[in-house]
Amino acid sequence: MWLGCPSEETGFQVLSDDEITRSILKQEDKSEDEVDEGDETEAHACPSHNKAFKCLEIALQWFERQRERDSKSLLCLKGVRDLAAQRWMTALKQTSTRNSFKESENSLRDHNI
């Protein structure tokens, strides 16, 4: 029965401009913390392409020296290693492209363009 409420009690919290600003900033800080925590979990969940390639290269060297090795398994392991190498190279190219865009953006900003 909201009609029975005094007009001063609307059910909403009345905040000043400063209180609204602090409230929004506090919410943004909380959401950034949640994103950061998620990034840490993802970083620990999967090794980088670079690390995967290096580990697979070592595994391949080990496997090639085993008496039990067979061509099918060797080719399979080489395929996985090559996939990691391709992903690593793609990531390097993307990083270099992103850096180029950032440099261009900074240059434009420096020249007020």
N, C-alpha and C. Protein backbone atom coordinates (compact mmCIF):
# COMPACT_ATOMS: atom_id res chain seq x y z
N MET A 1 0.83 -1.18 0.00
CA MET A 1 0.00 0.00 0.00
C MET A 1 0.88 1.24 0.00
N TRP A 2 1.48 1.51 -1.09
CA TRP A 2 2.35 2.66 -1.18
C TRP A 2 1.58 3.97 -1.10
N LEU A 3 0.28 3.90 -1.39
CA LEU A 3 -0.52 5.12 -1.30
C LEU A 3 -0.66 5.58 0.14
N GLY A 4 -0.53 4.65 1.08
CA GLY A 4 -0.67 4.99 2.48
C GLY A 4 0.61 5.54 3.09
N CYS A 5 1.73 5.56 2.35
CA CYS A 5 3.01 6.05 2.87
C CYS A 5 3.04 7.56 2.86
N PRO A 6 3.72 8.13 3.85
CA PRO A 6 3.91 9.58 3.79
C PRO A 6 4.72 9.93 2.54
N SER A 7 4.48 11.08 1.96
CA SER A 7 5.12 11.46 0.70
C SER A 7 6.64 11.57 0.82
N GLU A 8 7.16 11.79 2.04
CA GLU A 8 8.60 11.89 2.22
C GLU A 8 9.27 10.52 2.14
N GLU A 9 8.54 9.45 2.41
CA GLU A 9 9.10 8.10 2.41
C GLU A 9 8.74 7.40 1.10
N THR A 10 9.55 7.62 0.09
CA THR A 10 9.27 7.05 -1.23
C THR A 10 9.81 5.63 -1.38
N GLY A 11 10.64 5.19 -0.42
CA GLY A 11 11.22 3.86 -0.53
C GLY A 11 12.59 3.88 -1.19
N PHE A 12 13.00 5.03 -1.68
CA PHE A 12 14.30 5.17 -2.31
C PHE A 12 15.24 5.91 -1.39
N GLN A 13 16.50 5.57 -1.48
CA GLN A 13 17.51 6.24 -0.67
C GLN A 13 17.87 7.55 -1.37
N VAL A 14 17.85 8.63 -0.63
CA VAL A 14 18.20 9.94 -1.18
C VAL A 14 19.68 10.18 -0.90
N LEU A 15 20.45 10.38 -1.98
CA LEU A 15 21.89 10.57 -1.87
C LEU A 15 22.30 11.90 -2.48
N SER A 16 23.35 12.48 -1.92
CA SER A 16 23.92 13.69 -2.51
C SER A 16 24.76 13.30 -3.72
N ASP A 17 25.19 14.27 -4.49
CA ASP A 17 26.03 13.99 -5.65
C ASP A 17 27.31 13.27 -5.25
N ASP A 18 27.94 13.71 -4.17
CA ASP A 18 29.18 13.07 -3.70
C ASP A 18 28.93 11.62 -3.28
N GLU A 19 27.81 11.37 -2.62
CA GLU A 19 27.49 10.01 -2.20
C GLU A 19 27.24 9.10 -3.41
N ILE A 20 26.60 9.64 -4.42
CA ILE A 20 26.35 8.87 -5.64
C ILE A 20 27.68 8.52 -6.31
N THR A 21 28.57 9.51 -6.40
CA THR A 21 29.88 9.29 -7.01
C THR A 21 30.65 8.23 -6.26
N ARG A 22 30.69 8.32 -4.93
CA ARG A 22 31.41 7.33 -4.12
C ARG A 22 30.81 5.94 -4.31
N SER A 23 29.50 5.87 -4.36
CA SER A 23 28.83 4.58 -4.52
C SER A 23 29.19 3.94 -5.86
N ILE A 24 29.20 4.72 -6.92
CA ILE A 24 29.53 4.20 -8.24
C ILE A 24 30.98 3.76 -8.29
N LEU A 25 31.88 4.57 -7.74
CA LEU A 25 33.30 4.22 -7.74
C LEU A 25 33.54 2.94 -6.94
N LYS A 26 32.83 2.79 -5.84
CA LYS A 26 32.97 1.58 -5.02
C LYS A 26 32.51 0.36 -5.81
N GLN A 27 31.40 0.48 -6.55
CA GLN A 27 30.91 -0.63 -7.37
C GLN A 27 31.90 -0.99 -8.47
N GLU A 28 32.51 0.03 -9.10
CA GLU A 28 33.49 -0.23 -10.15
C GLU A 28 34.71 -0.94 -9.59
N ASP A 29 35.16 -0.53 -8.38
CA ASP A 29 36.30 -1.19 -7.76
C ASP A 29 36.01 -2.66 -7.50
N LYS A 30 34.80 -2.94 -7.00
CA LYS A 30 34.43 -4.33 -6.74
C LYS A 30 34.41 -5.14 -8.02
N SER A 31 33.85 -4.58 -9.10
CA SER A 31 33.78 -5.34 -10.35
C SER A 31 35.16 -5.54 -10.95
N GLU A 32 36.08 -4.57 -10.80
CA GLU A 32 37.45 -4.74 -11.29
C GLU A 32 38.16 -5.83 -10.50
N ASP A 33 37.93 -5.89 -9.19
CA ASP A 33 38.54 -6.93 -8.37
C ASP A 33 38.06 -8.30 -8.81
N GLU A 34 36.78 -8.42 -9.13
CA GLU A 34 36.24 -9.70 -9.58
C GLU A 34 36.86 -10.10 -10.90
N VAL A 35 37.05 -9.16 -11.82
CA VAL A 35 37.67 -9.44 -13.11
C VAL A 35 39.11 -9.86 -12.90
N ASP A 36 39.85 -9.15 -12.03
CA ASP A 36 41.24 -9.49 -11.76
C ASP A 36 41.36 -10.90 -11.20
N GLU A 37 40.47 -11.26 -10.28
CA GLU A 37 40.50 -12.60 -9.71
C GLU A 37 40.25 -13.64 -10.79
N GLY A 38 39.35 -13.35 -11.71
CA GLY A 38 39.07 -14.27 -12.81
C GLY A 38 40.28 -14.44 -13.71
N ASP A 39 41.00 -13.34 -13.96
CA ASP A 39 42.19 -13.41 -14.80
C ASP A 39 43.24 -14.31 -14.17
N GLU A 40 43.41 -14.21 -12.85
CA GLU A 40 44.40 -15.03 -12.16
C GLU A 40 44.05 -16.51 -12.30
N THR A 41 42.77 -16.83 -12.17
CA THR A 41 42.33 -18.21 -12.28
C THR A 41 42.60 -18.73 -13.68
N GLU A 42 42.28 -17.93 -14.70
CA GLU A 42 42.50 -18.36 -16.07
C GLU A 42 43.99 -18.52 -16.36
N ALA A 43 44.80 -17.62 -15.82
CA ALA A 43 46.24 -17.68 -16.07
C ALA A 43 46.83 -18.97 -15.51
N HIS A 44 46.32 -19.41 -14.37
CA HIS A 44 46.84 -20.64 -13.76
C HIS A 44 46.24 -21.89 -14.42
N ALA A 45 45.11 -21.73 -15.07
CA ALA A 45 44.43 -22.88 -15.64
C ALA A 45 45.09 -23.38 -16.92
N CYS A 46 45.74 -22.50 -17.67
CA CYS A 46 46.29 -22.90 -18.97
C CYS A 46 47.63 -22.23 -19.19
N PRO A 47 48.65 -23.00 -19.56
CA PRO A 47 49.96 -22.39 -19.83
C PRO A 47 49.91 -21.57 -21.12
N SER A 48 50.84 -20.66 -21.27
CA SER A 48 50.91 -19.85 -22.49
C SER A 48 51.31 -20.73 -23.67
N HIS A 49 51.09 -20.21 -24.87
CA HIS A 49 51.48 -20.95 -26.08
C HIS A 49 52.99 -21.15 -26.10
N ASN A 50 53.72 -20.13 -25.67
CA ASN A 50 55.18 -20.20 -25.62
C ASN A 50 55.64 -21.32 -24.69
N LYS A 51 55.06 -21.37 -23.50
CA LYS A 51 55.44 -22.40 -22.54
C LYS A 51 55.06 -23.79 -23.05
N ALA A 52 53.88 -23.89 -23.65
CA ALA A 52 53.44 -25.19 -24.20
C ALA A 52 54.41 -25.66 -25.28
N PHE A 53 54.81 -24.74 -26.16
CA PHE A 53 55.76 -25.11 -27.22
C PHE A 53 57.07 -25.61 -26.63
N LYS A 54 57.61 -24.87 -25.67
CA LYS A 54 58.89 -25.26 -25.08
C LYS A 54 58.80 -26.62 -24.38
N CYS A 55 57.72 -26.85 -23.66
CA CYS A 55 57.54 -28.14 -22.98
C CYS A 55 57.38 -29.28 -23.98
N LEU A 56 56.62 -29.03 -25.04
CA LEU A 56 56.44 -30.07 -26.06
C LEU A 56 57.74 -30.35 -26.81
N GLU A 57 58.56 -29.34 -27.00
CA GLU A 57 59.87 -29.53 -27.64
C GLU A 57 60.73 -30.45 -26.78
N ILE A 58 60.71 -30.23 -25.47
CA ILE A 58 61.47 -31.10 -24.54
C ILE A 58 60.89 -32.51 -24.56
N ALA A 59 59.56 -32.61 -24.55
CA ALA A 59 58.92 -33.94 -24.58
C ALA A 59 59.28 -34.67 -25.87
N LEU A 60 59.33 -33.94 -26.97
CA LEU A 60 59.69 -34.55 -28.25
C LEU A 60 61.13 -35.06 -28.23
N GLN A 61 62.03 -34.27 -27.68
CA GLN A 61 63.42 -34.71 -27.57
C GLN A 61 63.52 -35.98 -26.72
N TRP A 62 62.77 -36.00 -25.64
CA TRP A 62 62.76 -37.19 -24.77
C TRP A 62 62.21 -38.39 -25.52
N PHE A 63 61.06 -38.19 -26.19
CA PHE A 63 60.39 -39.30 -26.86
C PHE A 63 61.25 -39.89 -27.98
N GLU A 64 61.96 -39.03 -28.70
CA GLU A 64 62.81 -39.51 -29.80
C GLU A 64 63.92 -40.44 -29.31
N ARG A 65 64.29 -40.35 -28.06
CA ARG A 65 65.37 -41.18 -27.50
C ARG A 65 64.86 -42.47 -26.84
N GLN A 66 63.56 -42.68 -26.89
CA GLN A 66 62.99 -43.88 -26.27
C GLN A 66 62.96 -45.04 -27.26
N ARG A 67 63.26 -46.23 -26.76
CA ARG A 67 63.22 -47.42 -27.62
C ARG A 67 61.80 -47.73 -28.07
N GLU A 68 60.82 -47.40 -27.23
CA GLU A 68 59.42 -47.76 -27.53
C GLU A 68 58.75 -46.80 -28.51
N ARG A 69 59.45 -45.81 -28.99
CA ARG A 69 58.80 -44.83 -29.86
C ARG A 69 58.34 -45.50 -31.16
N ASP A 70 57.28 -44.95 -31.71
CA ASP A 70 56.80 -45.41 -33.01
C ASP A 70 56.46 -44.18 -33.85
N SER A 71 56.45 -44.37 -35.16
CA SER A 71 56.27 -43.22 -36.07
C SER A 71 54.94 -42.51 -35.86
N LYS A 72 53.89 -43.27 -35.62
CA LYS A 72 52.57 -42.66 -35.45
C LYS A 72 52.55 -41.73 -34.23
N SER A 73 53.07 -42.19 -33.11
CA SER A 73 53.11 -41.37 -31.90
C SER A 73 54.03 -40.17 -32.08
N LEU A 74 55.15 -40.38 -32.77
CA LEU A 74 56.10 -39.30 -33.02
C LEU A 74 55.46 -38.21 -33.87
N LEU A 75 54.75 -38.60 -34.92
CA LEU A 75 54.07 -37.63 -35.77
C LEU A 75 52.98 -36.88 -35.01
N CYS A 76 52.27 -37.60 -34.16
CA CYS A 76 51.22 -36.99 -33.35
C CYS A 76 51.81 -35.92 -32.42
N LEU A 77 52.89 -36.27 -31.75
CA LEU A 77 53.54 -35.34 -30.83
C LEU A 77 54.09 -34.13 -31.58
N LYS A 78 54.66 -34.36 -32.76
CA LYS A 78 55.16 -33.25 -33.58
C LYS A 78 54.02 -32.33 -34.01
N GLY A 79 52.87 -32.93 -34.32
CA GLY A 79 51.71 -32.13 -34.71
C GLY A 79 51.24 -31.22 -33.58
N VAL A 80 51.22 -31.75 -32.37
CA VAL A 80 50.81 -30.95 -31.21
C VAL A 80 51.83 -29.83 -30.98
N ARG A 81 53.12 -30.17 -31.08
CA ARG A 81 54.17 -29.16 -30.91
C ARG A 81 54.04 -28.05 -31.96
N ASP A 82 53.77 -28.45 -33.21
CA ASP A 82 53.62 -27.48 -34.29
C ASP A 82 52.40 -26.58 -34.07
N LEU A 83 51.33 -27.15 -33.52
CA LEU A 83 50.15 -26.35 -33.20
C LEU A 83 50.49 -25.29 -32.16
N ALA A 84 51.22 -25.69 -31.13
CA ALA A 84 51.63 -24.74 -30.09
C ALA A 84 52.51 -23.64 -30.69
N ALA A 85 53.40 -24.01 -31.62
CA ALA A 85 54.27 -23.03 -32.28
C ALA A 85 53.45 -22.04 -33.10
N GLN A 86 52.45 -22.55 -33.83
CA GLN A 86 51.59 -21.67 -34.64
C GLN A 86 50.82 -20.70 -33.75
N ARG A 87 50.27 -21.21 -32.65
CA ARG A 87 49.52 -20.34 -31.74
C ARG A 87 50.43 -19.28 -31.13
N TRP A 88 51.65 -19.67 -30.80
CA TRP A 88 52.62 -18.75 -30.21
C TRP A 88 52.95 -17.64 -31.21
N MET A 89 53.20 -18.02 -32.47
CA MET A 89 53.52 -17.02 -33.49
C MET A 89 52.34 -16.08 -33.74
N THR A 90 51.14 -16.62 -33.77
CA THR A 90 49.95 -15.80 -33.95
C THR A 90 49.81 -14.81 -32.81
N ALA A 91 50.04 -15.27 -31.59
CA ALA A 91 49.95 -14.38 -30.42
C ALA A 91 51.00 -13.28 -30.50
N LEU A 92 52.20 -13.62 -30.97
CA LEU A 92 53.25 -12.61 -31.12
C LEU A 92 52.85 -11.56 -32.15
N LYS A 93 52.27 -12.00 -33.26
CA LYS A 93 51.83 -11.06 -34.30
C LYS A 93 50.72 -10.15 -33.79
N GLN A 94 49.77 -10.72 -33.03
CA GLN A 94 48.68 -9.92 -32.49
C GLN A 94 49.19 -8.90 -31.50
N THR A 95 50.14 -9.30 -30.67
CA THR A 95 50.73 -8.37 -29.69
C THR A 95 51.43 -7.24 -30.41
N SER A 96 52.18 -7.57 -31.46
CA SER A 96 52.90 -6.55 -32.21
C SER A 96 51.92 -5.60 -32.90
N THR A 97 50.81 -6.12 -33.43
CA THR A 97 49.80 -5.28 -34.07
C THR A 97 49.15 -4.37 -33.05
N ARG A 98 48.80 -4.91 -31.87
CA ARG A 98 48.20 -4.08 -30.82
C ARG A 98 49.13 -2.96 -30.41
N ASN A 99 50.42 -3.29 -30.26
CA ASN A 99 51.39 -2.28 -29.87
C ASN A 99 51.50 -1.19 -30.93
N SER A 100 51.41 -1.56 -32.20
CA SER A 100 51.46 -0.58 -33.29
C SER A 100 50.28 0.37 -33.20
N PHE A 101 49.08 -0.17 -32.93
CA PHE A 101 47.90 0.68 -32.79
C PHE A 101 48.05 1.62 -31.60
N LYS A 102 48.56 1.12 -30.48
CA LYS A 102 48.75 1.97 -29.30
C LYS A 102 49.74 3.08 -29.59
N GLU A 103 50.84 2.75 -30.30
CA GLU A 103 51.83 3.76 -30.64
C GLU A 103 51.22 4.82 -31.56
N SER A 104 50.42 4.40 -32.53
CA SER A 104 49.76 5.34 -33.43
C SER A 104 48.79 6.23 -32.67
N GLU A 105 48.04 5.62 -31.77
CA GLU A 105 47.08 6.38 -30.97
C GLU A 105 47.80 7.40 -30.10
N ASN A 106 48.90 6.99 -29.46
CA ASN A 106 49.67 7.91 -28.63
C ASN A 106 50.26 9.03 -29.47
N SER A 107 50.73 8.72 -30.66
CA SER A 107 51.30 9.73 -31.54
C SER A 107 50.24 10.75 -31.94
N LEU A 108 49.06 10.26 -32.28
CA LEU A 108 47.97 11.17 -32.64
C LEU A 108 47.58 12.05 -31.45
N ARG A 109 47.54 11.46 -30.28
CA ARG A 109 47.20 12.21 -29.08
C ARG A 109 48.26 13.27 -28.79
N ASP A 110 49.54 12.91 -28.97
CA ASP A 110 50.63 13.86 -28.73
C ASP A 110 50.57 15.04 -29.68
N HIS A 111 50.07 14.78 -30.89
CA HIS A 111 49.99 15.85 -31.89
C HIS A 111 48.60 16.50 -31.93
N ASN A 112 47.76 16.14 -30.96
CA ASN A 112 46.40 16.69 -30.86
C ASN A 112 45.61 16.51 -32.15
N ILE A 113 45.73 15.33 -32.73
CA ILE A 113 45.00 15.05 -33.97
C ILE A 113 43.75 14.27 -33.64
